[in-house]
Amino acid sequence: MSWPLRGIAARIALVSLVVTLAAAAVIAIGVLAVSSALFAQLMVQHGSTTAAAHAMFDQTVTAVFGGALLVAAVVSGVLAVVLARRLAQPLEAVGRAAQRLACGDYQARAPRTGPQELELLADSFNRMAASLEEGERIRRDFITNAAHELRTPLTNLQGYLEALRDGVIGPDPELFGSLHEEAERLVRLSQSLDALAQGEGAPDVPGLAELDLAQALRSSVEMARPAFGRQDIGLVIEVPELLAARANPDHLSQVLANLLQNAARYTPERGQVTVRAEARSNEVVVSVTNSGDGIPPHDLPHVFERFYRVEKSRDRSRGGAGIGLAIVKELVEAGGGRVGVDSNQGLTRFWFSLPPG
């Protein structure tokens, strides 16, 4: 393994060598200079000559010191190399993984090796890489699904207009109704994207006010009741007579409208939807529960992502663009609340919380 002069391994080895030489210099001054003079003085006091004392000192202490210094230098060098390798290799692995990540390989991960501090560094890098990988997946899905949602109605409009231009079909109320339906679909998609962008651009939502959540829920349910009635869906509301909460009234109406619309879309005919609200210790929780097929467990973590659909072909036929729940999440979290979903035994429950009034 070759190390560049400016690499951390070479620097550790160099610093270790400098420390060893500095320690050897200090010991050499103490042993070879001071101790030599004291040894000679003691030998002269006991009848030896100065020359004989120096010769004896050189033959014993100096030789032993020289050998010990050589052994110390070798051991120090070996330990420096081992330490340098142990520190440099994990850092080089993290560096290589970072280079792969920078080049677009979002599956790059750093191995957990080396001292505890380097393992923590690898863990932090791996969490960052996983977050970037998830963000890249969401971005790709967003682009793919947005392109499809725009392409489908535009293709239909183009086909109808070309047929009208070529005289293949004639103008009639049913055709204009189909054209209007496709145009409305594009308008809804545009409005949903605008609402989602506004939710991201203003995380600190102003205008939070204390309101009667029970009354707001009853009003939203009454507004949505005709859509449920057309499919013979039972609609039950279970809320206290008075329930105070803090929210932006316009955003609360939009959240409730999206959840109720979502429930109407996926509840089978003659199914049931239940709207509940309850006050807890530090929040107020609202839930909308509908009967039906439910959501598979592997889809539950993704239902609040933009353009995500559990059954894409079915969802498209029902007019969904996969943005409503993303808007719900943005608006609720911007107002200081939380959102969640659970689905089991033929029931799907979407819930969100609000600060208490």
Protein backbone atom coordinates (compact mmCIF):
# COMPACT_ATOMS: atom_id res chain seq x y z
CA MET A 1 0.00 0.00 0.00
CA SER A 2 1.50 3.33 -1.07
CA TRP A 3 0.71 6.48 0.85
CA PRO A 4 1.06 10.02 -0.54
CA LEU A 5 3.18 12.35 1.52
CA ARG A 6 0.13 14.43 2.39
CA GLY A 7 -2.03 11.41 3.31
CA ILE A 8 -3.17 10.87 6.89
CA ALA A 9 -1.30 7.56 7.19
CA ALA A 10 2.04 9.12 6.17
CA ARG A 11 1.44 12.03 8.50
CA ILE A 12 0.70 9.74 11.46
CA ALA A 13 3.86 7.72 10.79
CA LEU A 14 5.93 10.91 10.42
CA VAL A 15 4.56 12.42 13.63
CA SER A 16 5.22 9.17 15.50
CA LEU A 17 8.81 9.13 14.23
CA VAL A 18 9.34 12.77 15.27
CA VAL A 19 7.99 12.04 18.75
CA THR A 20 10.31 9.03 19.06
CA LEU A 21 13.34 11.08 17.99
CA ALA A 22 12.42 13.89 20.37
CA ALA A 23 12.10 11.45 23.27
CA ALA A 24 15.40 9.81 22.30
CA ALA A 25 17.13 13.21 22.19
CA VAL A 26 15.91 14.10 25.68
CA ILE A 27 17.00 10.73 27.06
CA ALA A 28 20.35 10.96 25.25
CA ILE A 29 21.10 14.35 26.81
CA GLY A 30 20.23 13.00 30.23
CA VAL A 31 22.10 9.73 29.90
CA LEU A 32 25.08 10.49 27.69
CA ALA A 33 25.90 13.95 29.02
CA VAL A 34 24.74 14.34 32.61
CA SER A 35 25.03 10.70 33.62
CA SER A 36 28.47 10.38 31.98
CA ALA A 37 29.86 13.25 34.05
CA LEU A 38 28.39 11.90 37.29
CA PHE A 39 29.70 8.40 36.52
CA ALA A 40 33.19 9.72 35.84
CA GLN A 41 33.17 11.75 39.08
CA LEU A 42 32.18 8.71 41.14
CA MET A 43 34.80 6.50 39.50
CA VAL A 44 37.54 9.09 40.11
CA GLN A 45 36.54 9.30 43.78
CA HIS A 46 37.06 5.54 44.00
CA GLY A 47 40.54 5.66 42.54
CA SER A 48 39.98 5.31 38.79
CA THR A 49 41.30 7.75 36.23
CA THR A 50 38.96 9.94 34.21
CA ALA A 51 39.94 8.25 30.95
CA ALA A 52 39.25 4.81 32.39
CA ALA A 53 35.87 5.98 33.73
CA HIS A 54 34.82 7.33 30.35
CA ALA A 55 35.94 4.15 28.62
CA MET A 56 33.96 2.00 31.06
CA PHE A 57 30.87 4.21 30.60
CA ASP A 58 31.08 3.99 26.81
CA GLN A 59 31.47 0.20 26.91
CA THR A 60 28.42 -0.33 29.14
CA VAL A 61 25.82 2.44 29.31
CA THR A 62 26.39 3.96 25.88
CA ALA A 63 26.28 0.60 24.13
CA VAL A 64 23.11 -0.43 26.00
CA PHE A 65 21.51 2.95 25.31
CA GLY A 66 22.34 2.74 21.60
CA GLY A 67 20.78 -0.74 21.36
CA ALA A 68 17.69 0.33 23.31
CA LEU A 69 17.31 3.40 21.09
CA LEU A 70 17.45 1.24 17.97
CA VAL A 71 14.85 -1.18 19.33
CA ALA A 72 12.60 1.71 20.38
CA ALA A 73 12.82 3.27 16.91
CA VAL A 74 11.89 -0.01 15.21
CA VAL A 75 8.97 -0.70 17.57
CA SER A 76 7.75 2.87 17.24
CA GLY A 77 7.87 2.65 13.46
CA VAL A 78 5.94 -0.62 13.40
CA LEU A 79 3.29 0.72 15.79
CA ALA A 80 2.99 3.91 13.73
CA VAL A 81 2.45 1.91 10.55
CA VAL A 82 -0.20 -0.30 12.21
CA LEU A 83 -2.02 2.70 13.69
CA ALA A 84 -1.82 4.61 10.42
CA ARG A 85 -3.28 1.69 8.48
CA ARG A 86 -6.06 1.20 11.04
CA LEU A 87 -7.10 4.84 10.78
CA ALA A 88 -6.45 5.43 7.10
CA GLN A 89 -8.22 2.41 5.62
CA PRO A 90 -11.72 3.19 7.05
CA LEU A 91 -11.35 6.84 6.05
CA GLU A 92 -10.32 5.83 2.53
CA ALA A 93 -13.36 3.53 2.35
CA VAL A 94 -15.65 6.42 3.35
CA GLY A 95 -13.91 8.61 0.77
CA ARG A 96 -14.45 6.04 -1.99
CA ALA A 97 -18.11 5.67 -1.03
CA ALA A 98 -18.50 9.46 -1.07
CA GLN A 99 -17.02 9.59 -4.58
CA ARG A 100 -19.46 6.93 -5.77
CA LEU A 101 -22.33 8.85 -4.19
CA ALA A 102 -21.21 12.07 -5.87
CA CYS A 103 -21.22 10.25 -9.21
CA GLY A 104 -24.84 9.20 -8.77
CA ASP A 105 -24.46 5.77 -7.16
CA TYR A 106 -27.01 6.21 -4.35
CA GLN A 107 -26.52 2.63 -3.16
CA ALA A 108 -22.94 3.35 -2.06
CA ARG A 109 -22.33 2.53 1.60
CA ALA A 110 -19.27 2.79 3.86
CA PRO A 111 -18.15 -0.28 5.85
CA ARG A 112 -18.25 -0.06 9.66
CA THR A 113 -14.60 -0.71 10.54
CA GLY A 114 -11.96 0.87 12.71
CA PRO A 115 -12.29 2.69 16.04
CA GLN A 116 -15.68 3.69 17.44
CA GLU A 117 -15.42 7.24 16.12
CA LEU A 118 -14.86 5.98 12.56
CA GLU A 119 -17.77 3.55 12.91
CA LEU A 120 -19.98 6.50 13.92
CA LEU A 121 -18.71 8.40 10.88
CA ALA A 122 -19.61 5.45 8.63
CA ASP A 123 -23.07 5.20 10.23
CA SER A 124 -23.71 8.91 9.63
CA PHE A 125 -22.57 8.62 6.02
CA ASN A 126 -24.76 5.57 5.43
CA ARG A 127 -27.82 7.32 6.88
CA MET A 128 -27.15 10.30 4.62
CA ALA A 129 -26.74 8.01 1.59
CA ALA A 130 -29.99 6.20 2.41
CA SER A 131 -31.80 9.53 2.71
CA LEU A 132 -30.42 10.70 -0.64
CA GLU A 133 -31.37 7.39 -2.23
CA GLU A 134 -34.94 7.73 -0.97
CA GLY A 135 -35.09 11.33 -2.16
CA GLU A 136 -33.86 10.29 -5.60
CA ARG A 137 -36.49 7.55 -5.76
CA ILE A 138 -39.22 10.04 -4.88
CA ARG A 139 -37.91 12.49 -7.48
CA ARG A 140 -37.91 9.85 -10.23
CA ASP A 141 -41.41 8.70 -9.30
CA PHE A 142 -42.60 12.31 -9.21
CA ILE A 143 -41.28 13.05 -12.70
CA THR A 144 -42.59 9.78 -14.17
CA ASN A 145 -46.05 10.07 -12.68
CA ALA A 146 -46.38 13.81 -13.35
CA ALA A 147 -45.48 13.21 -17.00
CA HIS A 148 -48.07 10.43 -17.21
CA GLU A 149 -50.79 12.47 -15.52
CA LEU A 150 -50.22 15.28 -17.99
CA ARG A 151 -49.79 13.01 -21.01
CA THR A 152 -53.06 11.07 -20.60
CA PRO A 153 -55.56 13.97 -20.75
CA LEU A 154 -53.45 15.85 -23.31
CA THR A 155 -53.38 12.78 -25.56
CA ASN A 156 -57.15 12.43 -25.26
CA LEU A 157 -57.67 16.10 -26.04
CA GLN A 158 -55.33 15.88 -29.02
CA GLY A 159 -57.16 12.84 -30.38
CA TYR A 160 -60.59 14.45 -30.07
CA LEU A 161 -59.44 17.71 -31.64
CA GLU A 162 -57.74 15.94 -34.56
CA ALA A 163 -60.89 13.89 -35.16
CA LEU A 164 -62.98 17.08 -35.15
CA ARG A 165 -60.52 18.78 -37.51
CA ASP A 166 -60.52 15.87 -39.96
CA GLY A 167 -64.30 15.48 -39.83
CA VAL A 168 -64.08 11.94 -38.44
CA ILE A 169 -66.55 12.83 -35.71
CA GLY A 170 -69.02 15.66 -35.47
CA PRO A 171 -69.52 18.11 -32.63
CA ASP A 172 -72.16 17.01 -30.15
CA PRO A 173 -72.88 17.57 -26.43
CA GLU A 174 -71.39 14.22 -25.42
CA LEU A 175 -68.09 15.02 -27.16
CA PHE A 176 -67.92 18.45 -25.60
CA GLY A 177 -68.62 16.83 -22.24
CA SER A 178 -65.65 14.50 -22.72
CA LEU A 179 -63.41 17.40 -23.73
CA HIS A 180 -64.55 19.38 -20.71
CA GLU A 181 -63.87 16.43 -18.41
CA GLU A 182 -60.28 16.11 -19.67
CA ALA A 183 -59.75 19.87 -19.30
CA GLU A 184 -61.09 19.74 -15.73
CA ARG A 185 -58.66 16.93 -14.99
CA LEU A 186 -55.76 19.12 -16.07
CA VAL A 187 -57.10 22.01 -13.98
CA ARG A 188 -57.38 19.80 -10.90
CA LEU A 189 -53.82 18.57 -11.38
CA SER A 190 -52.54 22.14 -11.75
CA GLN A 191 -54.44 23.29 -8.64
CA SER A 192 -53.09 20.36 -6.61
CA LEU A 193 -49.52 21.13 -7.65
CA ASP A 194 -50.00 24.80 -6.73
CA ALA A 195 -51.37 23.86 -3.32
CA LEU A 196 -48.49 21.47 -2.72
CA ALA A 197 -45.92 24.13 -3.70
CA GLN A 198 -47.54 26.68 -1.39
CA GLY A 199 -47.42 24.22 1.48
CA GLU A 200 -43.67 23.72 0.93
CA GLY A 201 -42.91 27.39 0.49
CA ALA A 202 -44.53 28.49 3.73
CA PRO A 203 -43.74 25.99 6.50
CA ASP A 204 -44.69 28.48 9.20
CA VAL A 205 -48.37 28.86 8.43
CA PRO A 206 -49.80 32.15 9.76
CA GLY A 207 -53.37 32.60 10.87
CA LEU A 208 -53.68 29.73 13.33
CA ALA A 209 -56.81 30.48 15.32
CA GLU A 210 -58.88 28.74 17.96
CA LEU A 211 -62.00 27.23 16.41
CA ASP A 212 -64.78 24.76 17.09
CA LEU A 213 -63.43 21.66 15.38
CA ALA A 214 -66.69 19.77 15.90
CA GLN A 215 -68.61 22.35 13.89
CA ALA A 216 -65.93 22.42 11.17
CA LEU A 217 -66.15 18.63 10.85
CA ARG A 218 -69.95 18.68 10.61
CA SER A 219 -69.82 21.35 7.92
CA SER A 220 -67.24 19.43 5.86
CA VAL A 221 -69.24 16.20 6.16
CA GLU A 222 -72.42 17.93 4.99
CA MET A 223 -70.57 19.36 2.00
CA ALA A 224 -69.32 15.88 1.06
CA ARG A 225 -72.57 14.01 1.79
CA PRO A 226 -73.95 14.13 -1.81
CA ALA A 227 -70.84 12.33 -3.13
CA PHE A 228 -71.38 9.53 -0.60
CA GLY A 229 -75.10 9.41 -1.28
CA ARG A 230 -74.58 8.77 -5.00
CA GLN A 231 -72.76 5.54 -4.13
CA ASP A 232 -75.06 4.58 -1.27
CA ILE A 233 -72.16 4.87 1.21
CA GLY A 234 -73.10 5.21 4.86
CA LEU A 235 -71.60 8.26 6.55
CA VAL A 236 -71.25 8.36 10.34
CA ILE A 237 -69.83 11.27 12.34
CA GLU A 238 -68.76 10.76 15.95
CA VAL A 239 -67.57 14.03 17.50
CA PRO A 240 -68.29 15.79 20.79
CA GLU A 241 -70.74 18.67 20.90
CA LEU A 242 -67.87 21.11 21.37
CA LEU A 243 -64.21 20.48 20.61
CA ALA A 244 -61.70 23.34 20.57
CA ALA A 245 -58.52 23.22 18.45
CA ARG A 246 -56.06 25.59 16.81
CA ALA A 247 -55.79 25.56 13.01
CA ASN A 248 -55.85 27.63 9.88
CA PRO A 249 -59.55 27.45 8.88
CA ASP A 250 -58.90 27.40 5.12
CA HIS A 251 -56.23 24.73 5.40
CA LEU A 252 -58.38 22.64 7.73
CA SER A 253 -61.22 22.73 5.19
CA GLN A 254 -58.84 21.61 2.45
CA VAL A 255 -57.47 18.75 4.58
CA LEU A 256 -60.95 17.50 5.45
CA ALA A 257 -62.15 17.84 1.84
CA ASN A 258 -59.19 15.78 0.57
CA LEU A 259 -59.65 13.03 3.15
CA LEU A 260 -63.40 12.80 2.58
CA GLN A 261 -62.91 12.82 -1.19
CA ASN A 262 -60.32 10.06 -0.84
CA ALA A 263 -62.73 8.02 1.32
CA ALA A 264 -65.57 8.47 -1.20
CA ARG A 265 -63.29 7.36 -4.04
CA TYR A 266 -62.14 4.10 -2.43
CA THR A 267 -65.14 3.00 -0.38
CA PRO A 268 -67.17 0.36 -2.26
CA GLU A 269 -70.87 0.80 -2.91
CA ARG A 270 -72.96 0.36 0.25
CA GLY A 271 -69.78 0.66 2.33
CA GLN A 272 -69.34 2.94 5.32
CA VAL A 273 -67.20 5.94 6.27
CA THR A 274 -66.79 7.08 9.87
CA VAL A 275 -65.46 10.48 10.92
CA ARG A 276 -64.25 10.73 14.52
CA ALA A 277 -62.55 13.38 16.66
CA GLU A 278 -61.25 13.23 20.22
CA ALA A 279 -59.22 15.38 22.56
CA ARG A 280 -56.06 13.91 24.06
CA SER A 281 -53.58 15.23 26.59
CA ASN A 282 -51.66 17.54 24.24
CA GLU A 283 -53.44 17.29 20.88
CA VAL A 284 -56.77 16.79 19.12
CA VAL A 285 -56.98 13.80 16.77
CA VAL A 286 -59.33 13.54 13.78
CA SER A 287 -59.74 10.29 11.85
CA VAL A 288 -61.57 9.26 8.69
CA THR A 289 -62.14 5.49 8.46
CA ASN A 290 -63.58 3.71 5.43
CA SER A 291 -64.41 0.12 4.63
CA GLY A 292 -62.94 -1.53 1.56
CA ASP A 293 -60.01 -3.56 0.31
CA GLY A 294 -57.45 -1.82 2.51
CA ILE A 295 -53.89 -0.80 1.78
CA PRO A 296 -51.09 -3.41 1.57
CA PRO A 297 -48.51 -3.09 4.37
CA HIS A 298 -45.63 -2.35 1.97
CA ASP A 299 -47.56 0.63 0.56
CA LEU A 300 -48.47 2.24 3.91
CA PRO A 301 -45.15 4.13 4.40
CA HIS A 302 -45.52 5.77 0.96
CA VAL A 303 -49.17 6.86 0.72
CA PHE A 304 -48.36 10.48 1.68
CA GLU A 305 -45.74 10.79 -1.06
CA ARG A 306 -46.52 12.87 -4.14
CA PHE A 307 -48.12 10.97 -6.99
CA TYR A 308 -47.93 7.68 -5.08
CA ARG A 309 -50.86 5.37 -5.75
CA VAL A 310 -51.53 1.96 -4.26
CA GLU A 311 -53.31 0.62 -7.33
CA LYS A 312 -52.21 2.89 -10.14
CA SER A 313 -54.53 1.66 -12.88
CA ARG A 314 -57.56 1.63 -10.58
CA ASP A 315 -56.66 5.03 -9.15
CA ARG A 316 -56.37 6.56 -12.59
CA SER A 317 -59.81 5.33 -13.54
CA ARG A 318 -61.23 6.97 -10.43
CA GLY A 319 -59.66 10.31 -11.25
CA GLY A 320 -56.92 10.39 -8.63
CA ALA A 321 -53.57 12.02 -9.28
CA GLY A 322 -51.88 10.91 -6.06
CA ILE A 323 -51.40 14.46 -4.75
CA GLY A 324 -54.28 14.89 -2.28
CA LEU A 325 -52.64 13.04 0.60
CA ALA A 326 -49.33 14.82 -0.02
CA ILE A 327 -51.19 18.12 0.35
CA VAL A 328 -52.82 16.86 3.56
CA LYS A 329 -49.40 16.03 5.03
CA GLU A 330 -47.89 19.40 4.04
CA LEU A 331 -50.74 21.46 5.50
CA VAL A 332 -51.12 19.48 8.72
CA GLU A 333 -47.40 19.45 9.53
CA ALA A 334 -47.10 23.15 8.66
CA GLY A 335 -49.79 23.82 11.29
CA GLY A 336 -47.90 21.88 13.97
CA GLY A 337 -49.75 18.56 13.66
CA ARG A 338 -49.03 14.99 12.60
CA VAL A 339 -50.56 12.60 10.04
CA GLY A 340 -50.76 8.85 9.84
CA VAL A 341 -52.56 5.87 8.34
CA ASP A 342 -53.30 2.28 9.33
CA SER A 343 -55.15 -0.41 7.43
CA ASN A 344 -56.22 -3.87 8.52
CA GLN A 345 -59.24 -6.19 8.55
CA GLY A 346 -60.99 -4.35 5.73
CA LEU A 347 -60.78 -0.89 7.34
CA THR A 348 -58.46 1.97 6.38
CA ARG A 349 -58.02 4.85 8.82
CA PHE A 350 -56.40 8.17 7.96
CA TRP A 351 -55.81 10.48 10.91
CA PHE A 352 -54.28 13.84 11.67
CA SER A 353 -53.70 15.87 14.81
CA LEU A 354 -54.07 19.54 15.67
CA PRO A 355 -52.83 21.63 18.59
CA PRO A 356 -55.50 21.87 21.30
CA GLY A 357 -57.47 25.09 21.69
